[in-house]
Amino acid sequence: MWRPGQQEPVILVEGSEESVLCAPEQIVALAVDREMDDAKNKADVVHHDDDDAVTERA
């Protein structure tokens, strides 16, 4: 566990355009942001698929 005065641990986060070096508490925030973005993107994709299906039936 990190304590003040020690060198901060650095964790490499993969999966983005740029690899990001962060302290552990930032990793959690990034993971939450990514999950929210993924959920939003999936919702957008489903929405667009529904629009396409309605257009094809019409």
Protein backbone atom coordinates (compact mmCIF):
# COMPACT_ATOMS: atom_id res chain seq x y z
CA MET A 1 0.00 0.00 0.00
CA TRP A 2 1.30 3.43 -0.91
CA ARG A 3 2.13 5.81 1.92
CA PRO A 4 3.06 9.49 1.75
CA GLY A 5 6.81 9.85 1.37
CA GLN A 6 7.22 6.73 -0.73
CA GLN A 7 7.58 6.87 -4.47
CA GLU A 8 4.10 6.55 -5.96
CA PRO A 9 3.42 3.26 -7.69
CA VAL A 10 2.92 3.65 -11.41
CA ILE A 11 0.56 1.40 -13.34
CA LEU A 12 0.45 1.20 -17.12
CA VAL A 13 -3.07 1.37 -18.52
CA GLU A 14 -3.48 -0.26 -21.91
CA GLY A 15 -6.36 -0.11 -24.33
CA SER A 16 -6.40 3.58 -25.17
CA GLU A 17 -4.76 5.46 -28.00
CA GLU A 18 -2.04 6.49 -25.60
CA SER A 19 -0.75 4.37 -22.75
CA VAL A 20 -1.36 6.34 -19.58
CA LEU A 21 0.71 6.29 -16.41
CA CYS A 22 -1.46 6.80 -13.35
CA ALA A 23 -1.60 6.39 -9.60
CA PRO A 24 -3.95 3.58 -8.42
CA GLU A 25 -6.83 5.89 -7.43
CA GLN A 26 -6.83 7.29 -10.98
CA ILE A 27 -7.04 3.77 -12.41
CA VAL A 28 -10.43 3.27 -10.76
CA ALA A 29 -11.74 6.55 -12.19
CA LEU A 30 -10.48 5.61 -15.67
CA ALA A 31 -12.09 2.17 -15.43
CA VAL A 32 -15.44 3.69 -14.40
CA ASP A 33 -15.25 6.26 -17.21
CA ARG A 34 -14.44 3.52 -19.71
CA GLU A 35 -17.37 1.36 -18.53
CA MET A 36 -19.74 4.32 -18.83
CA ASP A 37 -18.44 5.10 -22.33
CA ASP A 38 -18.79 1.44 -23.35
CA ALA A 39 -22.38 1.33 -22.07
CA LYS A 40 -23.20 4.56 -23.90
CA ASN A 41 -21.61 3.29 -27.11
CA LYS A 42 -23.55 0.00 -26.89
CA ALA A 43 -26.78 1.94 -26.34
CA ASP A 44 -25.99 4.11 -29.37
CA VAL A 45 -25.29 1.04 -31.51
CA VAL A 46 -28.54 -0.65 -30.46
CA HIS A 47 -30.44 2.58 -31.16
CA HIS A 48 -28.93 2.88 -34.64
CA ASP A 49 -29.65 -0.80 -35.37
CA ASP A 50 -33.30 -0.25 -34.42
CA ASP A 51 -33.51 2.73 -36.77
CA ASP A 52 -32.07 0.62 -39.60
CA ALA A 53 -34.52 -2.20 -38.96
CA VAL A 54 -37.50 0.18 -39.01
CA THR A 55 -36.22 1.77 -42.24
CA GLU A 56 -35.84 -1.64 -43.90
CA ARG A 57 -39.39 -2.70 -42.98
CA ALA A 58 -40.96 0.53 -44.20
